Protein backbone atom coordinates (compact mmCIF):
# COMPACT_ATOMS: atom_id res chain seq x y z
CA UNK A 1 4.00 19.92 -9.35
CA UNK A 2 0.61 20.95 -8.17
CA UNK A 3 -1.76 18.16 -7.50
CA UNK A 4 -4.94 17.03 -6.01
CA UNK A 5 -5.82 14.17 -3.82
CA UNK A 6 -9.08 13.37 -4.85
CA UNK A 7 -8.99 14.68 -8.99
CA UNK A 8 -12.44 13.56 -9.14
CA UNK A 9 -14.40 16.38 -6.81
CA UNK A 10 -13.28 18.87 -9.50
CA UNK A 11 -16.12 18.23 -11.42
CA UNK A 12 -17.92 20.26 -9.15
CA UNK A 13 -17.35 23.01 -10.23
CA UNK A 14 -19.99 22.83 -13.42
CA UNK A 15 -22.63 23.86 -10.40
CA UNK A 16 -20.88 27.60 -10.69
CA UNK A 17 -21.82 27.90 -14.24
CA UNK A 18 -25.47 26.06 -13.04
CA UNK A 19 -25.69 28.91 -9.70
CA UNK A 20 -24.27 31.75 -12.88
CA UNK A 21 -27.48 30.96 -14.77
CA UNK A 22 -29.60 30.58 -12.17
CA UNK A 23 -28.55 33.97 -11.26
CA UNK A 24 -28.60 35.53 -14.60
CA UNK A 25 -32.93 33.94 -14.99
CA UNK A 26 -33.64 35.66 -11.90
CA UNK A 27 -32.68 38.77 -13.27
CA UNK A 28 -34.37 38.77 -16.10
CA UNK A 29 -37.66 37.26 -14.61
CA UNK A 30 -37.30 40.36 -11.72
CA UNK A 31 -36.93 42.47 -14.93
CA UNK A 32 -39.89 41.23 -16.99
CA UNK A 33 -41.59 41.98 -13.43
CA UNK A 34 -41.10 45.30 -13.32
CA UNK A 35 -42.08 45.62 -16.80
CA UNK A 36 -45.76 44.92 -15.82
CA UNK A 37 -46.22 47.19 -13.54
CA UNK A 38 -44.79 50.49 -15.59
CA UNK A 39 -42.02 51.71 -17.64
CA UNK A 40 -38.98 50.86 -15.89
CA UNK A 41 -37.34 54.29 -16.68
CA UNK A 42 -40.68 55.64 -14.27
CA UNK A 43 -40.06 52.89 -11.48
CA UNK A 44 -36.28 52.95 -11.22
CA UNK A 45 -36.77 56.56 -9.23
CA UNK A 46 -39.27 55.04 -6.76
CA UNK A 47 -36.47 52.81 -5.68
CA UNK A 48 -33.36 54.91 -5.18
CA UNK A 49 -31.57 53.05 -2.95
CA UNK A 50 -31.66 50.02 -5.02
CA UNK A 51 -28.00 49.02 -6.60
CA UNK A 52 -28.05 47.78 -10.31
CA UNK A 53 -24.65 46.76 -9.79
CA UNK A 54 -24.32 44.66 -5.98
CA UNK A 55 -26.25 41.97 -6.99
CA UNK A 56 -23.67 40.89 -9.90
CA UNK A 57 -20.49 41.90 -7.47
CA UNK A 58 -22.20 39.52 -4.36
CA UNK A 59 -23.04 36.47 -7.24
CA UNK A 60 -19.14 37.01 -7.95
CA UNK A 61 -18.04 36.74 -4.74
CA UNK A 62 -20.06 33.70 -3.61
CA UNK A 63 -18.60 31.64 -7.09
CA UNK A 64 -15.61 32.74 -6.03
CA UNK A 65 -16.03 31.32 -2.66
CA UNK A 66 -17.57 28.17 -3.93
CA UNK A 67 -15.15 27.50 -6.04
CA UNK A 68 -12.47 27.63 -3.61
CA UNK A 69 -14.56 25.28 -1.10
CA UNK A 70 -14.67 22.94 -4.20
CA UNK A 71 -11.05 22.86 -4.33
CA UNK A 72 -10.53 22.60 -0.66
CA UNK A 73 -12.40 19.25 -0.54
CA UNK A 74 -10.60 18.38 -3.37
CA UNK A 75 -7.19 18.66 -1.27
CA UNK A 76 -4.56 20.36 -3.39
CA UNK A 77 -0.89 19.41 -2.65
CA UNK A 78 2.44 20.81 -4.16
CA UNK A 79 2.60 17.76 -5.38
CA UNK A 80 5.14 14.94 -4.36
CA UNK A 81 9.05 15.24 -4.09
CA UNK A 82 11.43 12.33 -5.38
CA UNK A 83 14.35 12.19 -3.03
CA UNK A 84 17.50 10.23 -4.70
CA UNK A 85 20.38 8.44 -1.74
CA UNK A 86 22.87 6.08 -2.41
CA UNK A 87 22.17 2.67 0.36
CA UNK A 88 24.10 -0.69 1.09
CA UNK A 89 22.23 -3.34 0.36
CA UNK A 90 21.76 -7.46 -0.57
CA UNK A 91 19.21 -9.40 -2.63
CA UNK A 92 16.81 -11.23 -0.49
CA UNK A 93 14.82 -14.34 -2.09
CA UNK A 94 11.91 -15.76 0.08
CA UNK A 95 10.79 -19.22 -0.40
CA UNK A 96 8.20 -20.22 1.46
CA UNK A 97 6.17 -23.39 2.22
CA UNK A 98 2.39 -23.30 1.61
CA UNK A 99 1.82 -27.23 1.64
CA UNK A 100 -1.08 -28.29 3.46
CA UNK A 101 1.40 -29.76 5.89
CA UNK A 102 2.23 -26.32 6.99
CA UNK A 103 -1.13 -25.75 8.34
CA UNK A 104 0.06 -28.60 11.44
CA UNK A 105 0.21 -27.30 15.07
CA UNK A 106 4.20 -25.37 14.97
CA UNK A 107 4.23 -27.09 18.30
CA UNK A 108 3.65 -30.50 19.88
CA UNK A 109 0.35 -29.35 20.78
CA UNK A 110 -2.21 -30.67 17.96
CA UNK A 111 -4.37 -27.30 18.59
CA UNK A 112 -1.55 -24.93 18.78
CA UNK A 113 -0.80 -21.89 16.51
CA UNK A 114 -0.02 -23.71 12.98
CA UNK A 115 3.75 -23.76 11.10
CA UNK A 116 2.22 -21.64 8.60
CA UNK A 117 0.38 -18.55 10.69
CA UNK A 118 3.71 -18.67 12.71
CA UNK A 119 5.89 -18.41 9.32
CA UNK A 120 3.68 -15.32 8.39
CA UNK A 121 4.46 -13.40 11.65
CA UNK A 122 8.06 -14.53 11.52
CA UNK A 123 8.50 -13.05 7.68
CA UNK A 124 6.52 -9.61 8.90
CA UNK A 125 9.54 -9.53 11.15
CA UNK A 126 11.79 -10.54 9.48
CA UNK A 127 10.59 -8.24 6.15
CA UNK A 128 11.07 -4.96 8.25
CA UNK A 129 14.75 -6.23 9.54
CA UNK A 130 15.40 -5.14 5.71
CA UNK A 131 15.95 -1.76 5.82
CA UNK A 132 17.78 -1.35 2.64
CA UNK A 133 17.69 -4.63 0.73
CA UNK A 134 15.78 -5.99 -1.97
CA UNK A 135 13.09 -8.49 -1.46
CA UNK A 136 11.53 -10.73 -3.34
CA UNK A 137 9.11 -13.92 -2.84
CA UNK A 138 8.36 -17.61 -4.08
CA UNK A 139 5.85 -20.11 -2.73
CA UNK A 140 5.84 -23.41 -2.78
CA UNK A 141 4.23 -26.66 -2.61
CA UNK A 142 4.46 -29.62 -4.83
CA UNK A 143 5.23 -26.73 -7.38
CA UNK A 144 6.89 -23.18 -7.16
CA UNK A 145 5.17 -19.85 -8.09
CA UNK A 146 6.66 -17.23 -8.18
CA UNK A 147 4.71 -14.64 -5.93
CA UNK A 148 6.64 -11.38 -5.77
CA UNK A 149 9.22 -10.38 -8.39
CA UNK A 150 12.57 -8.44 -6.60
CA UNK A 151 11.43 -5.38 -4.92
CA UNK A 152 12.12 -2.73 -2.51
CA UNK A 153 7.89 -2.50 -1.92
CA UNK A 154 8.07 -3.62 1.72
CA UNK A 155 4.03 -2.61 1.51
CA UNK A 156 3.53 -5.30 -1.07
CA UNK A 157 5.61 -7.96 0.81
CA UNK A 158 3.54 -7.44 3.71
CA UNK A 159 0.70 -7.58 1.92
CA UNK A 160 1.48 -10.76 -0.05
CA UNK A 161 2.43 -12.28 3.01
CA UNK A 162 -1.02 -11.67 4.91
CA UNK A 163 -2.76 -13.76 1.87
CA UNK A 164 -0.84 -16.83 1.70
CA UNK A 165 -2.78 -19.98 2.19
CA UNK A 166 -2.21 -23.57 0.72
CA UNK A 167 -5.18 -22.96 -1.79
CA UNK A 168 -2.78 -20.78 -3.57
CA UNK A 169 -1.05 -24.18 -5.40
CA UNK A 170 -3.61 -26.77 -6.49
CA UNK A 171 -0.84 -29.85 -6.89
CA UNK A 172 0.21 -30.40 -3.27
CA UNK A 173 2.95 -32.20 -1.95
CA UNK A 174 6.43 -30.52 -0.74
CA UNK A 175 8.75 -29.78 -3.52
CA UNK A 176 12.25 -27.35 -2.17
CA UNK A 177 14.41 -28.00 -4.69
CA UNK A 178 12.18 -26.24 -7.33
CA UNK A 179 11.43 -23.48 -5.20
CA UNK A 180 15.30 -22.93 -4.60
CA UNK A 181 15.78 -23.13 -8.46
CA UNK A 182 13.00 -20.71 -9.28
CA UNK A 183 14.46 -18.39 -6.29
CA UNK A 184 18.10 -18.75 -7.65
CA UNK A 185 16.36 -17.39 -10.92
CA UNK A 186 14.72 -14.91 -9.38
CA UNK A 187 17.18 -12.79 -8.53
CA UNK A 188 18.50 -9.71 -10.71
CA UNK A 189 21.22 -10.49 -13.09
CA UNK A 190 23.69 -8.26 -11.40
CA UNK A 191 26.67 -10.09 -10.27
CA UNK A 192 28.56 -7.63 -8.19
CA UNK A 193 25.17 -7.89 -5.57
CA UNK A 194 25.47 -10.14 -2.83
CA UNK A 195 22.43 -12.93 -2.86
CA UNK A 196 20.30 -14.88 -0.07
CA UNK A 197 17.87 -17.22 -0.18
CA UNK A 198 16.08 -18.01 2.51
CA UNK A 199 13.76 -20.90 3.28
CA UNK A 200 10.96 -21.33 5.35
CA UNK A 201 9.36 -25.26 5.71
CA UNK A 202 8.90 -27.85 7.81
CA UNK A 203 10.98 -29.27 5.45
CA UNK A 204 9.06 -32.28 4.64
CA UNK A 205 10.19 -32.94 1.68
CA UNK A 206 8.91 -35.59 -1.14
CA UNK A 207 10.37 -34.30 -4.12
CA UNK A 208 14.06 -33.97 -5.71
CA UNK A 209 17.58 -33.17 -4.08
CA UNK A 210 17.18 -29.63 -2.20
CA UNK A 211 20.94 -30.53 -0.88
CA UNK A 212 21.85 -30.79 -4.30
CA UNK A 213 20.71 -27.85 -5.43
CA UNK A 214 21.60 -25.51 -2.32
CA UNK A 215 25.28 -26.76 -3.32
CA UNK A 216 24.55 -25.60 -6.59
CA UNK A 217 23.57 -22.03 -5.01
CA UNK A 218 26.07 -21.73 -2.74
CA UNK A 219 28.54 -22.47 -5.78
CA UNK A 220 26.89 -19.41 -7.39
CA UNK A 221 27.77 -16.96 -4.37
CA UNK A 222 24.37 -17.27 -3.41
CA UNK A 223 23.85 -17.89 0.57
CA UNK A 224 20.92 -20.38 1.81
CA UNK A 225 19.81 -19.90 5.17
CA UNK A 226 17.13 -22.54 6.30
CA UNK A 227 13.91 -20.84 9.18
CA UNK A 228 12.49 -24.69 10.19
CA UNK A 229 8.69 -25.23 11.23
CA UNK A 230 7.00 -27.56 13.76
CA UNK A 231 8.56 -30.01 15.95
CA UNK A 232 10.18 -33.52 15.75
CA UNK A 233 7.27 -34.98 17.19
CA UNK A 234 4.14 -36.15 14.69
CA UNK A 235 0.79 -34.03 14.77
CA UNK A 236 -1.98 -34.19 12.72
CA UNK A 237 -2.54 -31.94 9.83
CA UNK A 238 -6.60 -30.17 10.05
CA UNK A 239 -8.76 -30.22 7.28
CA UNK A 240 -11.10 -27.21 8.53
CA UNK A 241 -10.50 -24.00 10.75
CA UNK A 242 -12.06 -25.98 13.57
CA UNK A 243 -9.21 -28.24 13.71
CA UNK A 244 -12.83 -30.60 14.37
CA UNK A 245 -11.20 -33.12 11.87
CA UNK A 246 -7.52 -33.96 10.24
CA UNK A 247 -5.91 -35.31 7.10
CA UNK A 248 -6.55 -39.26 6.69
CA UNK A 249 -4.62 -41.72 4.65
CA UNK A 250 -6.28 -44.16 2.30
CA UNK A 251 -6.83 -46.49 5.16
CA UNK A 252 -8.45 -44.24 7.19
CA UNK A 253 -5.83 -43.10 9.94
CA UNK A 254 -4.92 -40.09 10.69
CA UNK A 255 -1.80 -39.07 9.31
CA UNK A 256 1.14 -37.49 11.20
CA UNK A 257 3.76 -35.03 10.33
CA UNK A 258 6.67 -33.56 11.79
CA UNK A 259 10.16 -31.33 10.94
CA UNK A 260 12.59 -32.94 8.99
CA UNK A 261 15.20 -30.85 11.23
CA UNK A 262 18.54 -33.13 9.47
CA UNK A 263 17.27 -32.15 6.26
CA UNK A 264 16.87 -28.64 6.81
CA UNK A 265 20.10 -28.50 8.86
CA UNK A 266 21.25 -30.36 5.63
CA UNK A 267 20.50 -27.65 2.90
CA UNK A 268 21.64 -24.89 5.14
CA UNK A 269 24.94 -26.45 5.39
CA UNK A 270 25.60 -26.90 1.54
CA UNK A 271 24.20 -23.54 0.85
CA UNK A 272 26.60 -22.01 3.10
CA UNK A 273 23.84 -20.97 5.37
CA UNK A 274 22.38 -21.44 8.96
CA UNK A 275 19.78 -23.52 9.80
CA UNK A 276 17.66 -21.54 13.15
CA UNK A 277 14.35 -22.70 14.45
CA UNK A 278 11.16 -20.50 13.77
CA UNK A 279 9.55 -20.85 17.18
CA UNK A 280 13.21 -19.54 19.27
CA UNK A 281 13.14 -16.14 20.50
CA UNK A 282 16.41 -15.11 18.88
CA UNK A 283 15.69 -17.00 15.79
CA UNK A 284 15.49 -13.42 13.79
CA UNK A 285 18.54 -11.80 15.52
CA UNK A 286 20.50 -14.85 14.62
CA UNK A 287 19.37 -15.01 11.16
CA UNK A 288 19.85 -10.76 10.43
CA UNK A 289 23.41 -11.09 12.37
CA UNK A 290 23.74 -13.91 9.39
CA UNK A 291 22.99 -11.87 6.79
CA UNK A 292 24.67 -8.85 8.06
CA UNK A 293 28.07 -10.85 7.24
CA UNK A 294 27.69 -10.46 3.29
CA UNK A 295 28.94 -7.74 1.95
CA UNK A 296 26.25 -4.82 0.69
CA UNK A 297 26.18 -3.25 -2.45
CA UNK A 298 25.58 0.15 -2.96
CA UNK A 299 22.75 0.70 -4.53
CA UNK A 300 20.25 3.42 -5.31
CA UNK A 301 17.17 4.15 -3.20
CA UNK A 302 14.52 6.26 -4.26
CA UNK A 303 11.90 7.68 -1.85
CA UNK A 304 9.10 10.23 -2.97
CA UNK A 305 7.75 11.93 0.25
CA UNK A 306 4.03 13.47 -0.36
CA UNK A 307 3.78 17.19 -0.82
CA UNK A 308 2.41 20.05 1.69
CA UNK A 309 -1.41 20.50 1.64
CA UNK A 310 -2.49 23.52 0.25
CA UNK A 311 -6.08 23.85 0.90
CA UNK A 312 -5.85 26.33 4.13
CA UNK A 313 -5.08 28.38 1.23
CA UNK A 314 -8.11 27.96 -0.67
CA UNK A 315 -9.99 27.80 2.80
CA UNK A 316 -8.78 31.41 4.40
CA UNK A 317 -9.99 32.91 0.49
CA UNK A 318 -13.57 31.20 0.86
CA UNK A 319 -13.76 32.24 4.21
CA UNK A 320 -12.58 35.76 3.06
CA UNK A 321 -14.88 36.48 0.30
CA UNK A 322 -17.76 35.01 2.14
CA UNK A 323 -17.26 37.70 4.68
CA UNK A 324 -17.20 40.58 2.43
CA UNK A 325 -20.15 38.97 1.09
CA UNK A 326 -22.24 39.64 3.96
CA UNK A 327 -21.09 43.40 4.10
CA UNK A 328 -22.09 44.13 0.68
CA UNK A 329 -25.70 45.12 0.71
CA UNK A 330 -28.42 44.96 -2.00
CA UNK A 331 -28.44 48.91 -1.52
CA UNK A 332 -26.40 51.94 -3.46
CA UNK A 333 -23.31 53.04 -1.22
CA UNK A 334 -25.11 56.22 0.55
CA UNK A 335 -21.89 58.46 0.88
CA UNK A 336 -20.67 57.63 -2.72
CA UNK A 337 -23.92 59.43 -3.96
CA UNK A 338 -22.38 62.61 -2.55
CA UNK A 339 -19.40 62.23 -4.45
CA UNK A 340 -19.54 64.06 -7.73
CA UNK A 341 -17.01 61.93 -9.82
CA UNK A 342 -17.54 64.01 -12.96
CA UNK A 343 -16.77 68.14 -13.21
CA UNK A 344 -18.96 69.75 -16.06
């Protein structure tokens, strides 16, 4: 398969016709000017070294060189090649908490990095470790939303991670049970694939029975792991990027939020998973090790490799014809005049 990186630049090939018309017009104009001086049959012998054919040869050489340069700009390639391989992997659905409480500091310092930003860093590193696994993502606050269907496109997953903010869900709160239910529905229907839900939250649950839903997931063979964000000490929730003001209740008192570690552990226990602290340096290693205990299923992996660049070939063609054009003069070739191609 042959394609171009910038196929729209091939429209420049229309300029070949423009230059061809200009050359034809210039030759006609030259002929008209010569006729003003007299009969061409009489004037011709007065210009014995002028060739009738060299200008046409030169314009052809120049147009070929120009066409080759246009093709070089369009970057021709040999085309993508599809490579199929079979790998073992599992399906992982991420349930990511983007409630307002995730804007609070991830440690006891109110001005520290937010739970949300720390969770993004953890999730990006986690996606890097999911080499052959399929990944999907559900985001939630007071309601849940499917953000990324199950896929092997890790680049798209990282793109979505960077854009996560509480503004993506208007109804605030923290409904973990609804998020777990949606994550369960996000898996493929295949029954022979190992599946896991990774819940990233501060576990400040307001609605539903998350522990019971995690238990239901475990009964269906879906492992539920929890990455808890934040600390046990209450910290305020900033309402602006400068952290100059914080969320207040109806009485004007600053609202404090803390991680419900017990609930996070209960969810993980009910889901036959583990609960780890997102701030721990060994968090990801522990989680990936635990996921490694799941039996990977043989899955087809399709990769596309970019085709080899072909523009150097056309660059050499352009250079060759330009060099030839330099040595092709408008005069007749003297030594050819001495050769008689036709005998009487």
